[in-house]
């Protein structure tokens, strides 16, 4: 009799445990968590501390986030030490976010003009029915490939990058490649980052320490067993002012690496969060918050919107004016103007982003290129360039109030990924010239000294014990990774 009761109770307990687990999964699906950090334009520079540490990058990038990033800031500590502010609005997020800059080519004049960056949205999406781990400090990630020159090879590759032509009158639509325009409210370039981590390496020579989920979707799915640590899904939106012009005929858009079609749009991320605060936000915040960070207590108490708007940095590349060549002597290598835009004096054999030169280094679109091969004297950073400036463009000024982004294909849970398919309509989104609603009240800066970020052990990173723990841990994490930077060139070099 006792044995029988024990058996019944065991069965009931097992059933109840399964029921509780089902309820938990259901709650996860019903209460997705996401927020957006809205950044104003910060600076343009020919640097990439992940792909080309300590060297000139092969092409120009537009950077937001921490304002002290340069070619030598290759760790979270170096980024934080070199920076005085961030465009993220959160002093506890000194991460760096960047992507290639956009230019327009005028075939009649054979000149290129930098397009102004209006603003950047960085989405933090909590996907999957598994625990989400905060980005470890110092984690480096790439999304997309700077040397991709065709669709594929998988559907997931195609779903990683997308574009939206912002048109409030006729409707905005999402495409897999650069739209033809006109885009009266701007061009939005988008990219999804890997969200599955191997739990060991912060960096790796081939960037294989992070991968995308299984399946065709880039922004959702199960992580493979080899990379079973689920991270927040990071999604970028870079919104450019294109003056409503068409992307066809004598005037076309081209990225700083020479891609005029959009296959090779890509982005980088160097994590420098206070891990403890980020983990609290992941665990405690609920709902699609968009940019309403005030509704997330762990983030709200650190929010400083005024400081983010006042954050500046000096661009080392021209932000306006006419150029005879893309900085780095990059030539337009696809589209109707392929082969154009190469300044006299530039050696085509040293144009790193030229597809003909990829094959000399390795086969296929994954070819590696080396920034050290550039000859700065023969490949100037800019020609007929305007001096470095921190001037806020008209487009940036119009968008800096408080844009309301709604990239619906990535906001929702996205379990079926149907909204990722090219051509699906996207609801009108905040562009560069659309009147903006009244921004959220700006909290007054605290007079108290900023609390030093805590490390993964929950202690102040300024304490001697914490530093010892960090140094020991980082020594293990970086031992192989740093050797990779010195011995090999990234397969995804830009």
Protein backbone atom coordinates (compact mmCIF):
# COMPACT_ATOMS: atom_id res chain seq x y z
CA UNK A 1 0.00 0.00 0.00
CA UNK A 2 2.83 2.37 0.93
CA UNK A 3 4.69 1.44 -2.23
CA UNK A 4 1.55 2.09 -4.28
CA UNK A 5 1.07 5.54 -2.75
CA UNK A 6 4.73 6.31 -3.34
CA UNK A 7 4.38 5.36 -7.00
CA UNK A 8 1.26 7.52 -7.42
CA UNK A 9 2.99 10.48 -5.79
CA UNK A 10 6.08 10.03 -8.01
CA UNK A 11 3.92 9.99 -11.13
CA UNK A 12 2.04 13.11 -9.95
CA UNK A 13 5.30 14.91 -9.13
CA UNK A 14 6.71 14.09 -12.56
CA UNK A 15 3.52 15.30 -14.27
CA UNK A 16 3.53 18.52 -12.24
CA UNK A 17 7.17 19.18 -13.16
CA UNK A 18 6.36 18.77 -16.85
CA UNK A 19 3.34 21.06 -16.49
CA UNK A 20 5.43 23.72 -14.74
CA UNK A 21 8.05 23.52 -17.48
CA UNK A 22 5.36 23.91 -20.13
CA UNK A 23 3.98 26.96 -18.35
CA UNK A 24 7.48 28.46 -18.20
CA UNK A 25 8.01 27.90 -21.93
CA UNK A 26 4.60 29.40 -22.66
CA UNK A 27 5.44 32.44 -20.56
CA UNK A 28 8.68 32.88 -22.49
CA UNK A 29 6.79 32.89 -25.78
CA UNK A 30 4.04 35.18 -24.55
CA UNK A 31 6.42 37.71 -23.01
CA UNK A 32 9.27 38.28 -25.44
CA UNK A 33 11.93 40.70 -24.29
CA UNK A 34 13.64 43.26 -26.51
CA UNK A 35 14.95 46.79 -26.31
CA UNK A 36 16.68 49.21 -28.66
CA UNK A 37 19.60 51.53 -28.07
CA UNK A 38 19.24 54.52 -30.40
CA UNK A 39 22.56 56.13 -31.33
CA UNK A 40 23.26 59.41 -33.04
CA UNK A 41 26.02 59.40 -35.67
CA UNK A 42 29.45 59.52 -34.00
CA UNK A 43 32.39 59.29 -36.40
CA UNK A 44 33.87 57.84 -39.59
CA UNK A 45 37.32 56.30 -39.60
CA UNK A 46 39.37 53.80 -41.56
CA UNK A 47 39.78 51.48 -38.61
CA UNK A 48 38.63 48.02 -37.57
CA UNK A 49 40.23 46.89 -34.29
CA UNK A 50 38.73 43.40 -34.69
CA UNK A 51 39.82 42.58 -38.26
CA UNK A 52 42.84 44.87 -38.56
CA UNK A 53 44.13 45.49 -35.02
CA UNK A 54 46.77 48.20 -34.91
CA UNK A 55 46.57 48.86 -38.67
CA UNK A 56 44.63 50.81 -41.25
CA UNK A 57 41.43 49.05 -42.26
CA UNK A 58 40.86 48.23 -45.90
CA UNK A 59 37.85 50.60 -45.95
CA UNK A 60 36.02 53.26 -43.95
CA UNK A 61 33.56 52.44 -41.16
CA UNK A 62 30.90 54.47 -39.40
CA UNK A 63 31.13 53.93 -35.65
CA UNK A 64 28.75 54.49 -32.76
CA UNK A 65 28.89 53.57 -29.08
CA UNK A 66 32.06 54.34 -27.11
CA UNK A 67 33.76 57.44 -28.50
CA UNK A 68 37.40 56.43 -27.98
CA UNK A 69 37.61 53.46 -30.34
CA UNK A 70 40.65 53.38 -32.62
CA UNK A 71 42.77 50.74 -34.35
CA UNK A 72 44.46 49.78 -31.08
CA UNK A 73 41.42 49.42 -28.79
CA UNK A 74 41.20 45.66 -29.15
CA UNK A 75 39.80 44.82 -25.69
CA UNK A 76 36.92 46.06 -23.56
CA UNK A 77 39.37 47.57 -21.08
CA UNK A 78 41.21 49.50 -23.79
CA UNK A 79 37.93 50.78 -25.24
CA UNK A 80 36.73 51.93 -21.83
CA UNK A 81 40.04 53.57 -20.91
CA UNK A 82 40.13 55.48 -24.21
CA UNK A 83 36.51 56.65 -24.07
CA UNK A 84 34.83 59.47 -22.19
CA UNK A 85 31.23 58.82 -23.27
CA UNK A 86 28.93 56.62 -25.34
CA UNK A 87 26.07 57.22 -27.74
CA UNK A 88 24.17 54.26 -26.28
CA UNK A 89 22.64 56.35 -23.47
CA UNK A 90 23.97 53.86 -20.91
CA UNK A 91 27.37 54.53 -19.32
CA UNK A 92 27.43 50.87 -18.31
CA UNK A 93 27.51 49.97 -22.03
CA UNK A 94 30.81 51.14 -23.49
CA UNK A 95 30.55 48.69 -26.37
CA UNK A 96 31.58 49.63 -29.91
CA UNK A 97 29.29 49.13 -32.90
CA UNK A 98 30.33 49.77 -36.52
CA UNK A 99 29.58 49.05 -40.19
CA UNK A 100 30.94 50.21 -43.58
CA UNK A 101 30.11 53.78 -44.58
CA UNK A 102 27.86 54.63 -47.53
CA UNK A 103 28.76 56.83 -50.51
CA UNK A 104 27.02 57.91 -53.72
CA UNK A 105 28.82 57.75 -57.07
CA UNK A 106 28.20 60.38 -59.75
CA UNK A 107 29.08 58.91 -63.15
CA UNK A 108 28.90 62.29 -64.90
CA UNK A 109 31.58 63.77 -62.65
CA UNK A 110 33.33 60.50 -61.73
CA UNK A 111 33.23 61.48 -58.06
CA UNK A 112 32.00 59.97 -54.81
CA UNK A 113 30.19 61.73 -51.98
CA UNK A 114 29.85 60.45 -48.39
CA UNK A 115 26.21 59.93 -47.43
CA UNK A 116 25.29 61.27 -43.96
CA UNK A 117 24.44 58.73 -41.28
CA UNK A 118 21.21 59.78 -39.59
CA UNK A 119 21.12 57.38 -36.65
CA UNK A 120 21.71 53.76 -35.67
CA UNK A 121 19.40 51.36 -33.85
CA UNK A 122 21.00 48.44 -32.03
CA UNK A 123 18.38 45.87 -31.06
CA UNK A 124 18.82 43.48 -28.13
CA UNK A 125 16.45 40.57 -28.80
CA UNK A 126 15.99 37.70 -26.34
CA UNK A 127 15.19 34.68 -28.49
CA UNK A 128 14.76 30.99 -27.81
CA UNK A 129 13.25 29.11 -24.88
CA UNK A 130 16.56 28.79 -23.07
CA UNK A 131 18.41 30.98 -20.57
CA UNK A 132 20.12 33.97 -22.19
CA UNK A 133 23.67 34.84 -21.09
CA UNK A 134 24.95 38.43 -21.08
CA UNK A 135 27.68 39.28 -23.57
CA UNK A 136 31.02 38.57 -21.86
CA UNK A 137 33.23 41.67 -21.69
CA UNK A 138 35.64 41.69 -24.59
CA UNK A 139 33.60 39.44 -26.86
CA UNK A 140 34.19 40.26 -30.53
CA UNK A 141 31.71 39.39 -33.27
CA UNK A 142 31.31 39.91 -37.01
CA UNK A 143 28.10 39.70 -39.01
CA UNK A 144 28.06 39.33 -42.78
CA UNK A 145 31.19 39.22 -44.96
CA UNK A 146 33.11 42.10 -46.54
CA UNK A 147 34.09 39.89 -49.49
CA UNK A 148 30.72 38.32 -50.32
CA UNK A 149 29.90 38.94 -53.99
CA UNK A 150 26.84 36.77 -54.64
CA UNK A 151 23.71 35.46 -52.98
CA UNK A 152 23.97 32.38 -50.75
CA UNK A 153 25.56 29.99 -50.31
CA UNK A 154 22.72 29.33 -47.82
CA UNK A 155 19.33 30.86 -47.11
CA UNK A 156 20.67 31.87 -43.72
CA UNK A 157 23.40 33.94 -45.40
CA UNK A 158 20.71 35.71 -47.41
CA UNK A 159 18.65 36.35 -44.27
CA UNK A 160 21.57 37.90 -42.39
CA UNK A 161 21.60 41.16 -44.37
CA UNK A 162 18.63 43.21 -45.59
CA UNK A 163 17.68 46.70 -46.74
CA UNK A 164 14.66 48.96 -46.34
CA UNK A 165 13.86 51.91 -48.60
CA UNK A 166 12.05 54.33 -46.30
CA UNK A 167 9.03 55.81 -48.05
CA UNK A 168 6.16 56.96 -45.85
CA UNK A 169 3.87 57.93 -48.72
CA UNK A 170 3.97 54.73 -50.78
CA UNK A 171 5.10 52.31 -48.07
CA UNK A 172 8.48 50.93 -47.08
CA UNK A 173 9.53 47.46 -48.17
CA UNK A 174 12.39 45.15 -47.25
CA UNK A 175 14.72 43.67 -49.86
CA UNK A 176 17.72 41.33 -49.86
CA UNK A 177 19.86 43.74 -51.90
CA UNK A 178 20.13 47.52 -52.20
CA UNK A 179 16.83 48.96 -53.45
CA UNK A 180 16.57 51.14 -56.54
CA UNK A 181 14.82 53.96 -54.71
CA UNK A 182 13.83 56.66 -54.44
CA UNK A 183 14.00 56.51 -50.65
CA UNK A 184 12.67 59.91 -49.53
CA UNK A 185 13.07 59.19 -45.82
CA UNK A 186 16.40 57.40 -46.12
CA UNK A 187 18.02 54.03 -46.77
CA UNK A 188 18.13 51.56 -43.87
CA UNK A 189 20.83 48.89 -43.97
CA UNK A 190 20.32 45.95 -41.59
CA UNK A 191 22.33 43.00 -40.30
CA UNK A 192 21.81 40.20 -37.74
CA UNK A 193 24.66 38.89 -35.57
CA UNK A 194 25.40 35.32 -34.44
CA UNK A 195 23.82 34.47 -31.08
CA UNK A 196 25.38 31.11 -30.15
CA UNK A 197 28.72 31.09 -28.29
CA UNK A 198 31.15 28.28 -27.52
CA UNK A 199 31.51 29.57 -23.95
CA UNK A 200 35.31 29.69 -24.14
CA UNK A 201 36.78 32.18 -26.59
CA UNK A 202 36.25 35.93 -26.79
CA UNK A 203 37.93 36.06 -30.19
CA UNK A 204 39.16 33.57 -32.80
CA UNK A 205 41.06 33.93 -36.08
CA UNK A 206 38.16 32.61 -38.16
CA UNK A 207 35.46 34.04 -35.86
CA UNK A 208 34.07 30.55 -35.30
CA UNK A 209 33.70 31.10 -31.54
CA UNK A 210 30.19 32.40 -32.33
CA UNK A 211 27.73 30.96 -34.85
CA UNK A 212 24.16 31.48 -35.99
CA UNK A 213 21.33 29.23 -34.77
CA UNK A 214 20.50 26.06 -36.69
CA UNK A 215 18.20 26.39 -39.70
CA UNK A 216 17.57 29.05 -42.32
CA UNK A 217 16.80 31.93 -39.96
CA UNK A 218 19.62 34.17 -38.83
CA UNK A 219 17.74 35.64 -35.88
CA UNK A 220 16.09 32.62 -34.26
CA UNK A 221 16.42 28.87 -33.77
CA UNK A 222 18.24 26.37 -31.58
CA UNK A 223 21.95 26.67 -30.90
CA UNK A 224 24.19 23.73 -31.91
CA UNK A 225 25.65 21.64 -29.09
CA UNK A 226 29.13 22.94 -29.95
CA UNK A 227 27.95 26.50 -29.21
CA UNK A 228 25.29 25.95 -26.58
CA UNK A 229 25.56 29.31 -24.77
CA UNK A 230 22.71 31.51 -26.00
CA UNK A 231 23.49 35.23 -26.22
CA UNK A 232 21.14 38.12 -26.96
CA UNK A 233 20.42 38.40 -30.68
CA UNK A 234 22.02 41.64 -31.80
CA UNK A 235 20.48 43.41 -34.81
CA UNK A 236 21.73 46.67 -36.37
CA UNK A 237 19.86 49.29 -38.39
CA UNK A 238 22.01 52.02 -39.98
CA UNK A 239 19.82 54.77 -41.46
CA UNK A 240 21.43 56.91 -44.18
CA UNK A 241 20.34 60.18 -45.76
CA UNK A 242 20.19 59.74 -49.55
CA UNK A 243 18.31 62.96 -50.42
CA UNK A 244 15.48 61.01 -52.00
CA UNK A 245 17.67 60.17 -55.02
CA UNK A 246 17.32 57.03 -57.10
CA UNK A 247 19.92 54.28 -56.92
CA UNK A 248 20.17 53.83 -60.67
CA UNK A 249 21.58 55.39 -63.83
CA UNK A 250 24.33 57.94 -63.32
CA UNK A 251 23.91 58.11 -59.56
CA UNK A 252 24.35 54.97 -57.51
CA UNK A 253 25.03 54.09 -53.89
CA UNK A 254 28.13 52.18 -52.92
CA UNK A 255 29.60 50.99 -49.63
CA UNK A 256 33.11 52.02 -48.63
CA UNK A 257 34.50 48.62 -49.65
CA UNK A 258 33.32 49.12 -53.26
CA UNK A 259 30.13 47.04 -53.13
CA UNK A 260 27.27 48.74 -55.00
CA UNK A 261 24.80 45.83 -54.79
CA UNK A 262 24.78 45.00 -51.08
CA UNK A 263 26.04 41.43 -50.94
CA UNK A 264 28.90 42.37 -48.63
CA UNK A 265 27.21 44.60 -46.08
CA UNK A 266 28.59 43.60 -42.70
CA UNK A 267 29.12 44.88 -39.18
CA UNK A 268 31.26 44.46 -36.06
CA UNK A 269 30.61 44.42 -32.33
CA UNK A 270 33.04 44.66 -29.41
CA UNK A 271 31.23 44.05 -26.11
CA UNK A 272 32.07 46.30 -23.17
CA UNK A 273 28.97 46.04 -20.98
CA UNK A 274 28.78 45.81 -17.23
CA UNK A 275 27.89 42.13 -17.39
CA UNK A 276 26.00 42.07 -14.12
CA UNK A 277 23.66 44.90 -15.16
CA UNK A 278 23.11 43.42 -18.62
CA UNK A 279 22.25 40.04 -17.08
CA UNK A 280 19.79 41.69 -14.69
CA UNK A 281 18.11 43.44 -17.61
CA UNK A 282 17.87 40.18 -19.55
CA UNK A 283 16.34 38.39 -16.56
CA UNK A 284 14.04 41.11 -15.23
CA UNK A 285 12.79 43.23 -18.14
CA UNK A 286 9.59 42.25 -19.94
CA UNK A 287 7.96 43.04 -23.25
CA UNK A 288 8.89 44.87 -26.43
CA UNK A 289 10.35 47.98 -24.85
CA UNK A 290 11.75 49.54 -28.02
CA UNK A 291 13.64 52.64 -26.81
CA UNK A 292 11.59 53.00 -23.61
CA UNK A 293 14.50 52.00 -21.39
CA UNK A 294 12.80 53.74 -18.48
CA UNK A 295 10.49 50.71 -18.29
CA UNK A 296 13.42 48.39 -17.52
CA UNK A 297 14.59 49.08 -13.93
CA UNK A 298 18.12 47.62 -14.27
CA UNK A 299 18.75 49.90 -17.26
CA UNK A 300 16.67 52.90 -16.17
CA UNK A 301 18.83 53.71 -13.16
CA UNK A 302 21.88 54.09 -15.43
CA UNK A 303 20.15 55.91 -18.29
CA UNK A 304 21.62 59.28 -19.32
CA UNK A 305 20.11 60.43 -22.61
CA UNK A 306 21.58 63.91 -22.36
CA UNK A 307 25.12 62.58 -22.11
CA UNK A 308 24.59 60.39 -25.18
CA UNK A 309 23.43 63.39 -27.22
CA UNK A 310 26.44 65.41 -26.10
CA UNK A 311 28.90 62.60 -26.87
CA UNK A 312 31.24 63.48 -29.77
CA UNK A 313 34.31 62.14 -31.52
CA UNK A 314 36.45 63.43 -34.36
CA UNK A 315 36.16 61.73 -37.75
CA UNK A 316 39.43 60.92 -39.49
CA UNK A 317 37.68 60.62 -42.85
CA UNK A 318 35.70 63.15 -44.88
CA UNK A 319 32.03 63.33 -43.95
CA UNK A 320 31.09 65.55 -46.90
CA UNK A 321 32.54 66.92 -50.13
CA UNK A 322 33.69 65.15 -53.30
CA UNK A 323 36.20 62.31 -53.49
CA UNK A 324 38.01 60.95 -56.54
CA UNK A 325 38.26 57.51 -54.98
CA UNK A 326 36.91 55.59 -52.03
CA UNK A 327 39.38 55.90 -49.12
CA UNK A 328 41.91 53.09 -49.37
CA UNK A 329 41.81 53.29 -53.17
CA UNK A 330 38.85 50.94 -53.28
CA UNK A 331 37.24 50.64 -56.69
CA UNK A 332 33.54 49.99 -57.34
CA UNK A 333 33.64 46.28 -58.08
CA UNK A 334 30.07 45.40 -59.00
CA UNK A 335 26.89 46.97 -60.35
CA UNK A 336 26.49 49.26 -63.40
CA UNK A 337 29.57 51.32 -62.51
CA UNK A 338 31.94 48.43 -61.82
CA UNK A 339 35.57 49.44 -62.35
CA UNK A 340 34.90 53.13 -61.76
CA UNK A 341 36.15 55.36 -58.97
CA UNK A 342 39.85 54.46 -59.00
CA UNK A 343 41.98 57.58 -58.57
CA UNK A 344 45.08 58.07 -60.68
CA UNK A 345 48.06 57.04 -58.62
CA UNK A 346 46.24 54.22 -56.87
CA UNK A 347 47.86 50.87 -57.59
CA UNK A 348 45.03 48.45 -58.57
CA UNK A 349 47.17 45.54 -57.40
CA UNK A 350 47.01 46.94 -53.88
CA UNK A 351 43.28 47.58 -53.84
CA UNK A 352 42.39 45.12 -51.10
CA UNK A 353 38.68 44.98 -51.74
CA UNK A 354 39.03 44.35 -55.50
CA UNK A 355 37.65 40.83 -56.25
CA UNK A 356 40.48 40.10 -58.69
CA UNK A 357 42.89 40.37 -55.79
CA UNK A 358 40.91 38.04 -53.52
CA UNK A 359 41.72 35.05 -55.72
CA UNK A 360 45.43 35.73 -55.36
CA UNK A 361 45.06 35.23 -51.63
CA UNK A 362 42.59 32.36 -51.51
CA UNK A 363 39.70 30.92 -53.47
CA UNK A 364 36.11 32.13 -53.40
CA UNK A 365 34.23 34.88 -51.67
CA UNK A 366 35.80 34.05 -48.30
CA UNK A 367 39.17 35.33 -49.46
CA UNK A 368 41.32 36.99 -46.85
CA UNK A 369 42.85 40.41 -47.43
CA UNK A 370 45.62 42.04 -45.46
CA UNK A 371 45.49 45.67 -44.40
CA UNK A 372 49.26 45.74 -44.06
CA UNK A 373 49.60 45.43 -47.84
CA UNK A 374 48.30 48.93 -48.39
CA UNK A 375 50.64 51.73 -49.36
CA UNK A 376 49.28 54.81 -47.56
CA UNK A 377 51.34 57.15 -49.74
CA UNK A 378 49.84 55.85 -52.98
CA UNK A 379 46.39 55.22 -51.54
CA UNK A 380 45.39 58.34 -49.63
CA UNK A 381 42.60 58.12 -47.11
CA UNK A 382 40.66 60.72 -49.10
CA UNK A 383 41.09 63.01 -52.09
CA UNK A 384 39.61 66.48 -52.34
CA UNK A 385 38.37 65.69 -48.88
CA UNK A 386 36.88 68.04 -46.36
CA UNK A 387 38.94 68.22 -43.17
CA UNK A 388 37.96 65.94 -40.32
CA UNK A 389 34.87 67.29 -38.67
CA UNK A 390 32.40 66.63 -35.91
CA UNK A 391 29.68 68.65 -37.63
CA UNK A 392 26.24 67.18 -37.11
CA UNK A 393 24.62 66.74 -40.52
CA UNK A 394 21.17 68.05 -41.28
CA UNK A 395 19.95 64.48 -41.49
CA UNK A 396 21.49 63.55 -38.18
CA UNK A 397 20.07 66.61 -36.48
CA UNK A 398 16.60 65.82 -37.75
CA UNK A 399 16.79 62.26 -36.51
CA UNK A 400 18.48 62.78 -33.17
CA UNK A 401 15.34 63.68 -31.23
CA UNK A 402 13.92 60.26 -30.51
CA UNK A 403 13.26 58.05 -33.56
CA UNK A 404 10.66 55.33 -33.08
CA UNK A 405 12.03 52.27 -34.89
CA UNK A 406 9.74 49.37 -35.69
CA UNK A 407 11.53 46.79 -37.76
CA UNK A 408 8.69 44.32 -37.33
CA UNK A 409 10.50 41.38 -38.89
CA UNK A 410 12.88 41.27 -35.93
CA UNK A 411 10.81 42.67 -33.08
CA UNK A 412 8.42 39.74 -32.88
CA UNK A 413 9.52 36.32 -31.68
CA UNK A 414 10.12 35.35 -35.29
CA UNK A 415 9.69 31.62 -34.75
CA UNK A 416 8.81 30.95 -38.38
CA UNK A 417 11.12 33.56 -39.83
CA UNK A 418 8.58 34.41 -42.54
CA UNK A 419 9.14 38.14 -42.16
CA UNK A 420 12.80 37.75 -43.06
CA UNK A 421 12.01 36.92 -46.68
CA UNK A 422 12.91 39.62 -49.20
CA UNK A 423 10.01 41.70 -50.43
CA UNK A 424 7.82 41.41 -47.35
CA UNK A 425 6.25 44.73 -46.49
CA UNK A 426 7.52 46.52 -43.44
CA UNK A 427 5.36 49.03 -41.64
CA UNK A 428 6.41 52.67 -42.08
CA UNK A 429 9.31 53.35 -39.79
CA UNK A 430 10.96 56.44 -38.41
CA UNK A 431 13.18 57.99 -41.04
CA UNK A 432 15.41 60.95 -41.26
CA UNK A 433 12.97 63.72 -42.15
CA UNK A 434 9.78 62.56 -40.46
CA UNK A 435 8.65 64.83 -37.59
CA UNK A 436 9.46 63.09 -34.35
CA UNK A 437 7.25 62.77 -31.28
CA UNK A 438 8.21 64.55 -28.11
CA UNK A 439 11.21 62.71 -26.63
CA UNK A 440 11.18 61.04 -23.25
CA UNK A 441 12.09 63.34 -20.32
CA UNK A 442 15.84 63.51 -19.95
CA UNK A 443 16.97 62.49 -16.48
CA UNK A 444 19.40 64.87 -14.85
CA UNK A 445 22.96 63.55 -14.72
CA UNK A 446 23.79 62.11 -11.34
CA UNK A 447 26.25 64.07 -9.25
CA UNK A 448 27.45 60.86 -7.72
CA UNK A 449 30.56 59.33 -9.25
CA UNK A 450 29.78 56.63 -11.79
CA UNK A 451 29.93 53.19 -10.28
CA UNK A 452 32.75 51.13 -11.67
CA UNK A 453 31.44 48.30 -13.88
CA UNK A 454 31.28 44.97 -12.16
CA UNK A 455 32.78 41.90 -13.68
CA UNK A 456 31.28 38.43 -14.05
CA UNK A 457 32.10 37.69 -10.42
CA UNK A 458 29.79 40.50 -9.27
CA UNK A 459 32.60 42.51 -7.67
CA UNK A 460 33.93 45.94 -8.57
CA UNK A 461 36.41 45.72 -11.40
CA UNK A 462 38.53 48.31 -9.59
CA UNK A 463 39.27 46.08 -6.60
CA UNK A 464 42.56 44.23 -6.52
CA UNK A 465 40.90 40.84 -5.99
CA UNK A 466 38.58 41.38 -8.91
CA UNK A 467 41.47 42.44 -11.11
CA UNK A 468 43.36 39.28 -10.23
CA UNK A 469 40.31 37.17 -11.05
CA UNK A 470 39.79 39.00 -14.32
CA UNK A 471 43.44 38.72 -15.31
CA UNK A 472 43.54 35.00 -14.59
CA UNK A 473 40.33 34.39 -16.50
CA UNK A 474 41.28 36.60 -19.44
CA UNK A 475 44.70 35.00 -19.67
CA UNK A 476 43.01 31.65 -20.31
CA UNK A 477 40.40 33.10 -22.68
CA UNK A 478 42.81 35.18 -24.74
CA UNK A 479 45.87 32.92 -24.85
CA UNK A 480 44.94 31.25 -28.11
CA UNK A 481 42.98 34.17 -29.50
CA UNK A 482 45.77 36.72 -29.36
CA UNK A 483 48.14 34.26 -31.07
CA UNK A 484 45.64 33.99 -33.89
CA UNK A 485 45.74 37.76 -34.49
CA UNK A 486 49.54 37.68 -34.79
CA UNK A 487 49.84 34.50 -36.87
CA UNK A 488 46.96 34.62 -39.28
CA UNK A 489 44.70 36.98 -41.16
CA UNK A 490 40.97 36.82 -40.70
CA UNK A 491 38.95 34.98 -43.33
CA UNK A 492 36.44 37.77 -43.12
CA UNK A 493 38.94 40.59 -43.53
CA UNK A 494 37.46 43.79 -44.61
